[in-house]
Amino acid sequence: MLAPMKIDFTAPVGPKKFLRRRREELAAMRFTRIGLEQLGATLGAEISNVDLRRPLDDETLAEIERALLAFKVLFFRDQDLSPAEHAAFGRRFGELEVHPFLPSPEGCPEVVLLAKNEDVSGYENGWHSDVTWRVAPSLGSILRCRECSAVGGDTLFADMAAAYAGLPEMMRARIDGLRAVHDFTITFGRMLSPAELAAKQKKYPAVSHPIVRTHPATGEKVLYGTIEGETSCQVACRTAKVIRDGSITPFVSDMSVFESRVWRGGIDKRRREQCWVNRSVKRP
C-alpha cells in the first residue's frame, strides 16, 4: 500500500492573487456600444456588433480602446476587410509604420503579408513581441486571417502582467531595473545579403529596453521582450542568466496566463504596449 503523499500547498503556484483580482475587475466591466465575450482568464475577448468596414463613431472606438486595455487581445469575427480597409481601421489608433523586412500587398505598404506553406515554415514559432528591435516599438498589431489550415495554425497569447505578478519576489528583485538588447539580425538578418545587412544595421542599430516595463495607460508592471530569444537576441550579463536558465519562461507558459486562438477568419486587434507576448503554432 502506497504511503500518502505529503503536498506543500503553501508553495507559490502562479499568479493566483493577480488572477482573482483581475477576474473580478473584468467581470465588473460594462459596455453599451459593443458586445463582448471574455475568452481567457485575464486576456482575450471577442467583440461583436461592430462592422470594421464602416467608419466607427468616437463612442464605439472609445469602448474598443477600453476593452483593449482591459483584455489586451480582441477578436473581431467575420470581418471581410480589404487591405485598404484594414489599414484604415489601424489608423484610428495612430500613425501606421511600414515594416522594413516583410512583403506587403500592392498599394498598401502598411499591411504585411504573412504566407506559410509546406515549403515556408514560420520563424515566429516562439514567444515574442513584435518589432522590439525598434527604438520605439509600435503600439500594437492588427491581424487578419485570410486562409488557415484545418488543423494547427492557431496563435497563442500570454499575459505578461500576469506572468510578472506570478514571479517569486526574489525573481522580480533580480530583474527590476535590468535591460535587454534587441537586434533584428537574429531573424530578419538571415534574409539579407552582407551589403543589405550592413545598410539595415545603420538604420536599425541594436537597442536596449527594460525587461520590466510599466504600461503607460494602466500602470501595470509587465515583462517585456522575447522570452525564447528569437527576436530579442542578445541579452547581456546577469539578464542572460535569468532568461536562459529557464527561470522566467515557465511563468509565461503557465496555462493560467495564456489564451489559445484557432483562426476562423476575421481579424484580431492586439495591444502591445508591453502587455503580452505571442507565438504561432506550426501546421502538422
C-alpha atoms as a PDB file:
ATOM      1  CA  MET A   1       0.000   0.000   0.000  1.00  0.00           C
ATOM      2  CA  LEU A   2       1.398   3.366  -1.011  1.00  0.00           C
ATOM      3  CA  ALA A   3       2.052   5.867   1.728  1.00  0.00           C
ATOM      4  CA  PRO A   4       0.024   9.099   1.438  1.00  0.00           C
ATOM      5  CA  MET A   5       1.872  11.868  -0.420  1.00  0.00           C
ATOM      6  CA  LYS A   6       2.625  14.990   1.551  1.00  0.00           C
ATOM      7  CA  ILE A   7       1.973  18.122  -0.517  1.00  0.00           C
ATOM      8  CA  ASP A   8       3.107  21.592   0.463  1.00  0.00           C
ATOM      9  CA  PHE A   9       0.143  23.773  -0.506  1.00  0.00           C
ATOM     10  CA  THR A  10       1.965  26.893   0.710  1.00  0.00           C
ATOM     11  CA  ALA A  11       4.336  26.797  -2.276  1.00  0.00           C
ATOM     12  CA  PRO A  12       3.710  29.615  -4.774  1.00  0.00           C
ATOM     13  CA  VAL A  13       1.942  28.330  -7.891  1.00  0.00           C
ATOM     14  CA  GLY A  14       1.470  31.036 -10.498  1.00  0.00           C
ATOM     15  CA  PRO A  15      -0.195  34.452 -10.168  1.00  0.00           C
ATOM     16  CA  LYS A  16      -3.211  33.336  -8.107  1.00  0.00           C
ATOM     17  CA  LYS A  17      -3.875  36.633  -6.321  1.00  0.00           C
ATOM     18  CA  PHE A  18      -3.483  38.557  -9.557  1.00  0.00           C
ATOM     19  CA  LEU A  19      -5.880  36.211 -11.358  1.00  0.00           C
ATOM     20  CA  ARG A  20      -8.545  36.540  -8.684  1.00  0.00           C
ATOM     21  CA  ARG A  21      -8.384  40.327  -8.694  1.00  0.00           C
ATOM     22  CA  ARG A  22      -8.371  40.567 -12.492  1.00  0.00           C
ATOM     23  CA  ARG A  23     -11.338  38.214 -12.843  1.00  0.00           C
ATOM     24  CA  GLU A  24     -13.356  40.461 -10.542  1.00  0.00           C
ATOM     25  CA  GLU A  25     -12.293  43.627 -12.383  1.00  0.00           C
ATOM     26  CA  LEU A  26     -13.081  42.215 -15.817  1.00  0.00           C
ATOM     27  CA  ALA A  27     -16.437  40.774 -14.718  1.00  0.00           C
ATOM     28  CA  ALA A  28     -17.479  44.231 -13.487  1.00  0.00           C
ATOM     29  CA  MET A  29     -16.904  45.943 -16.844  1.00  0.00           C
ATOM     30  CA  ARG A  30     -19.934  47.093 -18.835  1.00  0.00           C
ATOM     31  CA  PHE A  31     -20.237  48.178 -22.475  1.00  0.00           C
ATOM     32  CA  THR A  32     -23.153  49.781 -24.325  1.00  0.00           C
ATOM     33  CA  ARG A  33     -21.821  50.227 -27.877  1.00  0.00           C
ATOM     34  CA  ILE A  34     -20.174  46.838 -28.409  1.00  0.00           C
ATOM     35  CA  GLY A  35     -20.883  43.227 -27.492  1.00  0.00           C
ATOM     36  CA  LEU A  36     -18.098  41.465 -25.575  1.00  0.00           C
ATOM     37  CA  GLU A  37     -17.474  37.842 -24.599  1.00  0.00           C
ATOM     38  CA  GLN A  38     -14.489  37.115 -22.371  1.00  0.00           C
ATOM     39  CA  LEU A  39     -12.309  34.259 -23.653  1.00  0.00           C
ATOM     40  CA  GLY A  40      -9.427  33.814 -21.210  1.00  0.00           C
ATOM     41  CA  ALA A  41      -8.737  34.176 -17.507  1.00  0.00           C
ATOM     42  CA  THR A  42      -7.014  37.557 -17.815  1.00  0.00           C
ATOM     43  CA  LEU A  43      -6.773  38.283 -21.534  1.00  0.00           C
ATOM     44  CA  GLY A  44      -8.757  37.765 -24.684  1.00  0.00           C
ATOM     45  CA  ALA A  45     -12.263  38.929 -25.601  1.00  0.00           C
ATOM     46  CA  GLU A  46     -14.441  38.542 -28.689  1.00  0.00           C
ATOM     47  CA  ILE A  47     -16.128  41.729 -29.880  1.00  0.00           C
ATOM     48  CA  SER A  48     -19.476  41.732 -31.685  1.00  0.00           C
ATOM     49  CA  ASN A  49     -21.964  44.296 -33.063  1.00  0.00           C
ATOM     50  CA  VAL A  50     -19.162  46.072 -34.947  1.00  0.00           C
ATOM     51  CA  ASP A  51     -18.604  46.300 -38.717  1.00  0.00           C
ATOM     52  CA  LEU A  52     -14.999  47.371 -39.251  1.00  0.00           C
ATOM     53  CA  ARG A  53     -15.627  48.143 -42.917  1.00  0.00           C
ATOM     54  CA  ARG A  54     -17.659  51.173 -41.876  1.00  0.00           C
ATOM     55  CA  PRO A  55     -16.361  54.300 -40.099  1.00  0.00           C
ATOM     56  CA  LEU A  56     -16.564  53.927 -36.316  1.00  0.00           C
ATOM     57  CA  ASP A  57     -18.039  56.731 -34.240  1.00  0.00           C
ATOM     58  CA  ASP A  58     -15.893  58.067 -31.413  1.00  0.00           C
ATOM     59  CA  GLU A  59     -18.019  56.462 -28.692  1.00  0.00           C
ATOM     60  CA  THR A  60     -17.672  52.973 -30.200  1.00  0.00           C
ATOM     61  CA  LEU A  61     -13.940  53.446 -30.727  1.00  0.00           C
ATOM     62  CA  ALA A  62     -13.566  54.563 -27.103  1.00  0.00           C
ATOM     63  CA  GLU A  63     -15.263  51.359 -25.909  1.00  0.00           C
ATOM     64  CA  ILE A  64     -12.989  49.243 -28.121  1.00  0.00           C
ATOM     65  CA  GLU A  65      -9.947  51.023 -26.688  1.00  0.00           C
ATOM     66  CA  ARG A  66     -11.220  50.497 -23.123  1.00  0.00           C
ATOM     67  CA  ALA A  67     -11.766  46.791 -23.829  1.00  0.00           C
ATOM     68  CA  LEU A  68      -8.313  46.596 -25.387  1.00  0.00           C
ATOM     69  CA  LEU A  69      -6.639  47.997 -22.287  1.00  0.00           C
ATOM     70  CA  ALA A  70      -8.538  45.571 -20.071  1.00  0.00           C
ATOM     71  CA  PHE A  71      -8.427  42.344 -22.120  1.00  0.00           C
ATOM     72  CA  LYS A  72      -5.211  43.042 -24.106  1.00  0.00           C
ATOM     73  CA  VAL A  73      -6.241  40.906 -27.112  1.00  0.00           C
ATOM     74  CA  LEU A  74      -9.512  41.489 -29.002  1.00  0.00           C
ATOM     75  CA  PHE A  75     -11.078  39.295 -31.701  1.00  0.00           C
ATOM     76  CA  PHE A  76     -13.491  40.526 -34.370  1.00  0.00           C
ATOM     77  CA  ARG A  77     -15.152  37.703 -36.312  1.00  0.00           C
ATOM     78  CA  ASP A  78     -16.356  37.663 -39.932  1.00  0.00           C
ATOM     79  CA  GLN A  79     -14.739  40.950 -40.951  1.00  0.00           C
ATOM     80  CA  ASP A  80     -14.171  40.760 -44.701  1.00  0.00           C
ATOM     81  CA  LEU A  81     -11.720  43.658 -44.988  1.00  0.00           C
ATOM     82  CA  SER A  82      -9.683  44.712 -47.975  1.00  0.00           C
ATOM     83  CA  PRO A  83      -6.051  45.720 -47.282  1.00  0.00           C
ATOM     84  CA  ALA A  84      -7.086  49.382 -47.557  1.00  0.00           C
ATOM     85  CA  GLU A  85      -9.933  48.912 -45.043  1.00  0.00           C
ATOM     86  CA  HIS A  86      -7.555  47.000 -42.786  1.00  0.00           C
ATOM     87  CA  ALA A  87      -5.140  49.937 -42.814  1.00  0.00           C
ATOM     88  CA  ALA A  88      -7.945  52.469 -42.341  1.00  0.00           C
ATOM     89  CA  PHE A  89      -9.064  50.696 -39.154  1.00  0.00           C
ATOM     90  CA  GLY A  90      -5.488  50.731 -37.876  1.00  0.00           C
ATOM     91  CA  ARG A  91      -5.160  54.484 -38.451  1.00  0.00           C
ATOM     92  CA  ARG A  92      -7.928  55.107 -35.918  1.00  0.00           C
ATOM     93  CA  PHE A  93      -5.381  54.132 -33.273  1.00  0.00           C
ATOM     94  CA  GLY A  94      -2.476  56.209 -34.576  1.00  0.00           C
ATOM     95  CA  GLU A  95       0.066  56.607 -37.354  1.00  0.00           C
ATOM     96  CA  LEU A  96       0.956  53.341 -39.092  1.00  0.00           C
ATOM     97  CA  GLU A  97       4.504  52.106 -39.677  1.00  0.00           C
ATOM     98  CA  VAL A  98       5.964  50.233 -42.626  1.00  0.00           C
ATOM     99  CA  HIS A  99       7.809  47.007 -41.849  1.00  0.00           C
ATOM    100  CA  PRO A 100      11.286  47.176 -43.433  1.00  0.00           C
ATOM    101  CA  PHE A 101      11.721  43.429 -43.974  1.00  0.00           C
ATOM    102  CA  LEU A 102       8.370  41.825 -44.830  1.00  0.00           C
ATOM    103  CA  PRO A 103       6.342  41.996 -48.089  1.00  0.00           C
ATOM    104  CA  SER A 104       3.125  43.998 -48.460  1.00  0.00           C
ATOM    105  CA  PRO A 105       0.114  43.828 -50.789  1.00  0.00           C
ATOM    106  CA  GLU A 106       0.454  46.127 -53.796  1.00  0.00           C
ATOM    107  CA  GLY A 107      -0.578  49.678 -52.973  1.00  0.00           C
ATOM    108  CA  CYS A 108      -0.771  49.152 -49.204  1.00  0.00           C
ATOM    109  CA  PRO A 109       2.723  49.267 -47.653  1.00  0.00           C
ATOM    110  CA  GLU A 110       1.403  49.472 -44.085  1.00  0.00           C
ATOM    111  CA  VAL A 111      -0.068  45.945 -44.309  1.00  0.00           C
ATOM    112  CA  VAL A 112       2.304  42.962 -44.024  1.00  0.00           C
ATOM    113  CA  LEU A 113       1.630  39.680 -45.820  1.00  0.00           C
ATOM    114  CA  LEU A 114       2.474  36.510 -43.850  1.00  0.00           C
ATOM    115  CA  ALA A 115       2.140  33.407 -46.016  1.00  0.00           C
ATOM    116  CA  LYS A 116       3.163  29.901 -44.894  1.00  0.00           C
ATOM    117  CA  ASN A 117       3.014  26.523 -46.622  1.00  0.00           C
ATOM    118  CA  GLU A 118       4.824  23.182 -46.712  1.00  0.00           C
ATOM    119  CA  ASP A 119       7.894  24.953 -48.091  1.00  0.00           C
ATOM    120  CA  VAL A 120       7.827  28.104 -45.933  1.00  0.00           C
ATOM    121  CA  SER A 121       7.810  27.438 -42.201  1.00  0.00           C
ATOM    122  CA  GLY A 122       7.142  30.025 -39.518  1.00  0.00           C
ATOM    123  CA  TYR A 123      10.006  31.928 -37.907  1.00  0.00           C
ATOM    124  CA  GLU A 124       7.560  33.282 -35.327  1.00  0.00           C
ATOM    125  CA  ASN A 125       7.076  29.928 -33.556  1.00  0.00           C
ATOM    126  CA  GLY A 126       8.418  31.207 -30.242  1.00  0.00           C
ATOM    127  CA  TRP A 127       7.167  33.599 -27.577  1.00  0.00           C
ATOM    128  CA  HIS A 128       7.803  37.127 -28.817  1.00  0.00           C
ATOM    129  CA  SER A 129       6.604  40.700 -29.034  1.00  0.00           C
ATOM    130  CA  ASP A 130       6.777  42.268 -32.488  1.00  0.00           C
ATOM    131  CA  VAL A 131       9.471  44.725 -33.636  1.00  0.00           C
ATOM    132  CA  THR A 132      11.180  45.007 -30.256  1.00  0.00           C
ATOM    133  CA  TRP A 133      14.317  45.927 -32.225  1.00  0.00           C
ATOM    134  CA  ARG A 134      12.840  49.371 -32.900  1.00  0.00           C
ATOM    135  CA  VAL A 135      13.826  52.293 -30.659  1.00  0.00           C
ATOM    136  CA  ALA A 136      10.094  52.929 -30.173  1.00  0.00           C
ATOM    137  CA  PRO A 137       8.200  49.648 -30.795  1.00  0.00           C
ATOM    138  CA  SER A 138       4.734  50.036 -32.246  1.00  0.00           C
ATOM    139  CA  LEU A 139       1.611  50.411 -30.131  1.00  0.00           C
ATOM    140  CA  GLY A 140       0.060  47.167 -31.336  1.00  0.00           C
ATOM    141  CA  SER A 141      -0.701  44.873 -34.255  1.00  0.00           C
ATOM    142  CA  ILE A 142      -3.881  44.029 -36.161  1.00  0.00           C
ATOM    143  CA  LEU A 143      -4.018  40.574 -37.756  1.00  0.00           C
ATOM    144  CA  ARG A 144      -6.492  39.249 -40.304  1.00  0.00           C
ATOM    145  CA  CYS A 145      -6.616  35.559 -41.198  1.00  0.00           C
ATOM    146  CA  ARG A 146      -7.445  35.037 -44.860  1.00  0.00           C
ATOM    147  CA  GLU A 147      -6.771  31.281 -45.038  1.00  0.00           C
ATOM    148  CA  CYS A 148      -5.820  28.757 -42.364  1.00  0.00           C
ATOM    149  CA  SER A 149      -5.110  25.039 -42.286  1.00  0.00           C
ATOM    150  CA  ALA A 150      -7.849  22.755 -40.974  1.00  0.00           C
ATOM    151  CA  VAL A 151      -5.606  21.623 -38.095  1.00  0.00           C
ATOM    152  CA  GLY A 152      -2.978  23.734 -36.344  1.00  0.00           C
ATOM    153  CA  GLY A 153      -2.013  27.234 -37.310  1.00  0.00           C
ATOM    154  CA  ASP A 154      -3.537  28.857 -34.237  1.00  0.00           C
ATOM    155  CA  THR A 155      -1.867  31.628 -32.226  1.00  0.00           C
ATOM    156  CA  LEU A 156      -1.128  31.749 -28.507  1.00  0.00           C
ATOM    157  CA  PHE A 157      -1.064  34.960 -26.469  1.00  0.00           C
ATOM    158  CA  ALA A 158       0.439  35.274 -22.984  1.00  0.00           C
ATOM    159  CA  ASP A 159      -0.458  37.937 -20.425  1.00  0.00           C
ATOM    160  CA  MET A 160       2.887  39.384 -19.366  1.00  0.00           C
ATOM    161  CA  ALA A 161       1.348  41.355 -16.495  1.00  0.00           C
ATOM    162  CA  ALA A 162       0.071  38.081 -15.035  1.00  0.00           C
ATOM    163  CA  ALA A 163       3.425  36.436 -15.759  1.00  0.00           C
ATOM    164  CA  TYR A 164       5.273  39.195 -13.882  1.00  0.00           C
ATOM    165  CA  ALA A 165       2.812  39.080 -10.989  1.00  0.00           C
ATOM    166  CA  GLY A 166       3.397  35.324 -10.729  1.00  0.00           C
ATOM    167  CA  LEU A 167       7.174  35.597 -10.405  1.00  0.00           C
ATOM    168  CA  PRO A 168       8.617  34.959  -6.944  1.00  0.00           C
ATOM    169  CA  GLU A 169       9.511  38.171  -5.148  1.00  0.00           C
ATOM    170  CA  MET A 170      13.202  37.269  -5.321  1.00  0.00           C
ATOM    171  CA  MET A 171      12.985  36.898  -9.112  1.00  0.00           C
ATOM    172  CA  ARG A 172      11.228  40.239  -9.506  1.00  0.00           C
ATOM    173  CA  ALA A 173      14.004  41.841  -7.479  1.00  0.00           C
ATOM    174  CA  ARG A 174      16.609  40.271  -9.781  1.00  0.00           C
ATOM    175  CA  ILE A 175      15.119  41.626 -12.995  1.00  0.00           C
ATOM    176  CA  ASP A 176      13.660  45.011 -11.999  1.00  0.00           C
ATOM    177  CA  GLY A 177      15.944  47.633 -13.494  1.00  0.00           C
ATOM    178  CA  LEU A 178      17.716  45.279 -15.912  1.00  0.00           C
ATOM    179  CA  ARG A 179      17.701  45.892 -19.650  1.00  0.00           C
ATOM    180  CA  ALA A 180      17.873  43.532 -22.632  1.00  0.00           C
ATOM    181  CA  VAL A 181      19.470  44.179 -26.020  1.00  0.00           C
ATOM    182  CA  HIS A 182      17.212  43.651 -29.056  1.00  0.00           C
ATOM    183  CA  ASP A 183      18.672  43.120 -32.530  1.00  0.00           C
ATOM    184  CA  PHE A 184      16.825  42.314 -35.766  1.00  0.00           C
ATOM    185  CA  THR A 185      19.790  40.397 -37.194  1.00  0.00           C
ATOM    186  CA  ILE A 186      18.877  37.234 -35.256  1.00  0.00           C
ATOM    187  CA  THR A 187      15.855  36.691 -37.517  1.00  0.00           C
ATOM    188  CA  PHE A 188      15.419  39.136 -40.370  1.00  0.00           C
ATOM    189  CA  GLY A 189      19.160  39.488 -40.839  1.00  0.00           C
ATOM    190  CA  ARG A 190      19.299  35.946 -42.185  1.00  0.00           C
ATOM    191  CA  MET A 191      17.286  37.034 -45.230  1.00  0.00           C
ATOM    192  CA  LEU A 192      19.717  39.776 -46.270  1.00  0.00           C
ATOM    193  CA  SER A 193      22.918  39.897 -48.274  1.00  0.00           C
ATOM    194  CA  PRO A 194      26.012  41.247 -46.463  1.00  0.00           C
ATOM    195  CA  ALA A 195      25.572  44.639 -48.136  1.00  0.00           C
ATOM    196  CA  GLU A 196      21.847  44.812 -47.312  1.00  0.00           C
ATOM    197  CA  LEU A 197      22.536  43.734 -43.736  1.00  0.00           C
ATOM    198  CA  ALA A 198      25.138  46.455 -43.238  1.00  0.00           C
ATOM    199  CA  ALA A 199      22.753  49.109 -44.585  1.00  0.00           C
ATOM    200  CA  LYS A 200      19.870  47.979 -42.371  1.00  0.00           C
ATOM    201  CA  GLN A 201      22.098  47.833 -39.284  1.00  0.00           C
ATOM    202  CA  LYS A 202      22.940  51.501 -39.789  1.00  0.00           C
ATOM    203  CA  LYS A 203      19.252  52.346 -39.981  1.00  0.00           C
ATOM    204  CA  TYR A 204      18.133  49.962 -37.213  1.00  0.00           C
ATOM    205  CA  PRO A 205      21.023  49.509 -34.757  1.00  0.00           C
ATOM    206  CA  ALA A 206      20.621  47.216 -31.751  1.00  0.00           C
ATOM    207  CA  VAL A 207      18.648  48.838 -28.937  1.00  0.00           C
ATOM    208  CA  SER A 208      18.019  48.037 -25.288  1.00  0.00           C
ATOM    209  CA  HIS A 209      14.697  48.000 -23.453  1.00  0.00           C
ATOM    210  CA  PRO A 210      13.858  47.305 -19.805  1.00  0.00           C
ATOM    211  CA  ILE A 211      12.955  43.691 -19.038  1.00  0.00           C
ATOM    212  CA  VAL A 212      10.180  45.046 -16.796  1.00  0.00           C
ATOM    213  CA  ARG A 213       8.148  47.959 -18.124  1.00  0.00           C
ATOM    214  CA  THR A 214       5.244  49.961 -16.738  1.00  0.00           C
ATOM    215  CA  HIS A 215       2.225  50.251 -19.006  1.00  0.00           C
ATOM    216  CA  PRO A 216       1.675  53.983 -19.675  1.00  0.00           C
ATOM    217  CA  ALA A 217      -2.132  53.783 -19.532  1.00  0.00           C
ATOM    218  CA  THR A 218      -2.834  51.153 -16.857  1.00  0.00           C
ATOM    219  CA  GLY A 219       0.258  51.413 -14.656  1.00  0.00           C
ATOM    220  CA  GLU A 220       0.716  47.613 -14.701  1.00  0.00           C
ATOM    221  CA  LYS A 221       4.226  46.204 -14.448  1.00  0.00           C
ATOM    222  CA  VAL A 222       4.851  43.702 -17.214  1.00  0.00           C
ATOM    223  CA  LEU A 223       7.616  41.517 -18.587  1.00  0.00           C
ATOM    224  CA  TYR A 224       8.738  42.829 -21.948  1.00  0.00           C
ATOM    225  CA  GLY A 225      10.528  41.304 -24.875  1.00  0.00           C
ATOM    226  CA  THR A 226      11.085  37.925 -26.431  1.00  0.00           C
ATOM    227  CA  ILE A 227      11.388  35.141 -23.897  1.00  0.00           C
ATOM    228  CA  GLU A 228      12.804  32.466 -26.210  1.00  0.00           C
ATOM    229  CA  GLY A 229      15.343  34.709 -27.902  1.00  0.00           C
ATOM    230  CA  GLU A 230      14.118  34.660 -31.490  1.00  0.00           C
ATOM    231  CA  THR A 231      13.947  38.405 -31.952  1.00  0.00           C
ATOM    232  CA  SER A 232      15.046  39.665 -28.570  1.00  0.00           C
ATOM    233  CA  CYS A 233      18.507  38.461 -29.432  1.00  0.00           C
ATOM    234  CA  GLN A 234      21.495  39.175 -27.252  1.00  0.00           C
ATOM    235  CA  VAL A 235      20.816  39.688 -23.563  1.00  0.00           C
ATOM    236  CA  ALA A 236      23.766  40.901 -21.549  1.00  0.00           C
ATOM    237  CA  CYS A 237      25.341  39.933 -18.241  1.00  0.00           C
ATOM    238  CA  ARG A 238      23.038  38.892 -15.394  1.00  0.00           C
ATOM    239  CA  THR A 239      19.964  39.251 -17.580  1.00  0.00           C
ATOM    240  CA  ALA A 240      21.112  36.441 -19.850  1.00  0.00           C
ATOM    241  CA  LYS A 241      21.374  34.022 -16.944  1.00  0.00           C
ATOM    242  CA  VAL A 242      17.887  34.908 -15.676  1.00  0.00           C
ATOM    243  CA  ILE A 243      16.267  34.207 -19.054  1.00  0.00           C
ATOM    244  CA  ARG A 244      18.415  31.400 -20.428  1.00  0.00           C
ATOM    245  CA  ASP A 245      18.325  29.228 -17.335  1.00  0.00           C
ATOM    246  CA  GLY A 246      14.553  28.952 -17.783  1.00  0.00           C
ATOM    247  CA  SER A 247      13.654  30.844 -14.617  1.00  0.00           C
ATOM    248  CA  ILE A 248      11.104  33.095 -16.316  1.00  0.00           C
ATOM    249  CA  THR A 249       9.759  31.005 -19.201  1.00  0.00           C
ATOM    250  CA  PRO A 250       7.611  28.638 -17.048  1.00  0.00           C
ATOM    251  CA  PHE A 251       5.632  31.630 -15.776  1.00  0.00           C
ATOM    252  CA  VAL A 252       4.921  32.732 -19.340  1.00  0.00           C
ATOM    253  CA  SER A 253       3.951  29.209 -20.388  1.00  0.00           C
ATOM    254  CA  ASP A 254       1.628  28.713 -17.391  1.00  0.00           C
ATOM    255  CA  MET A 255      -1.807  27.739 -18.738  1.00  0.00           C
ATOM    256  CA  SER A 256      -3.410  30.261 -16.369  1.00  0.00           C
ATOM    257  CA  VAL A 257      -1.963  33.265 -18.194  1.00  0.00           C
ATOM    258  CA  PHE A 258      -2.318  32.499 -21.896  1.00  0.00           C
ATOM    259  CA  GLU A 259      -5.101  32.296 -24.430  1.00  0.00           C
ATOM    260  CA  SER A 260      -5.064  30.000 -27.470  1.00  0.00           C
ATOM    261  CA  ARG A 261      -6.921  31.068 -30.575  1.00  0.00           C
ATOM    262  CA  VAL A 262      -7.814  28.919 -33.541  1.00  0.00           C
ATOM    263  CA  TRP A 263      -8.309  31.194 -36.517  1.00  0.00           C
ATOM    264  CA  ARG A 264     -11.806  31.089 -38.007  1.00  0.00           C
ATOM    265  CA  GLY A 265     -11.359  34.060 -40.273  1.00  0.00           C
ATOM    266  CA  GLY A 266     -11.849  37.674 -39.327  1.00  0.00           C
ATOM    267  CA  ILE A 267      -9.500  39.968 -37.509  1.00  0.00           C
ATOM    268  CA  ASP A 268      -7.839  40.344 -34.149  1.00  0.00           C
ATOM    269  CA  LYS A 269      -6.571  43.557 -32.622  1.00  0.00           C
ATOM    270  CA  ARG A 270      -3.613  43.197 -30.336  1.00  0.00           C
ATOM    271  CA  ARG A 271      -2.497  45.927 -27.981  1.00  0.00           C
ATOM    272  CA  ARG A 272       1.185  45.541 -27.385  1.00  0.00           C
ATOM    273  CA  GLU A 273       2.198  48.404 -25.062  1.00  0.00           C
ATOM    274  CA  GLN A 274       4.334  45.790 -23.286  1.00  0.00           C
ATOM    275  CA  CYS A 275       1.378  43.665 -22.166  1.00  0.00           C
ATOM    276  CA  TRP A 276       1.755  40.311 -23.851  1.00  0.00           C
ATOM    277  CA  VAL A 277       3.897  38.100 -26.000  1.00  0.00           C
ATOM    278  CA  ASN A 278       2.630  35.665 -28.585  1.00  0.00           C
ATOM    279  CA  ARG A 279       3.702  32.638 -30.579  1.00  0.00           C
ATOM    280  CA  SER A 280       2.272  30.765 -33.538  1.00  0.00           C
ATOM    281  CA  VAL A 281       1.730  27.033 -33.741  1.00  0.00           C
ATOM    282  CA  LYS A 282       3.056  25.108 -36.700  1.00  0.00           C
ATOM    283  CA  ARG A 283       0.829  23.185 -39.030  1.00  0.00           C
ATOM    284  CA  PRO A 284       1.061  19.400 -38.589  1.00  0.00           C
END
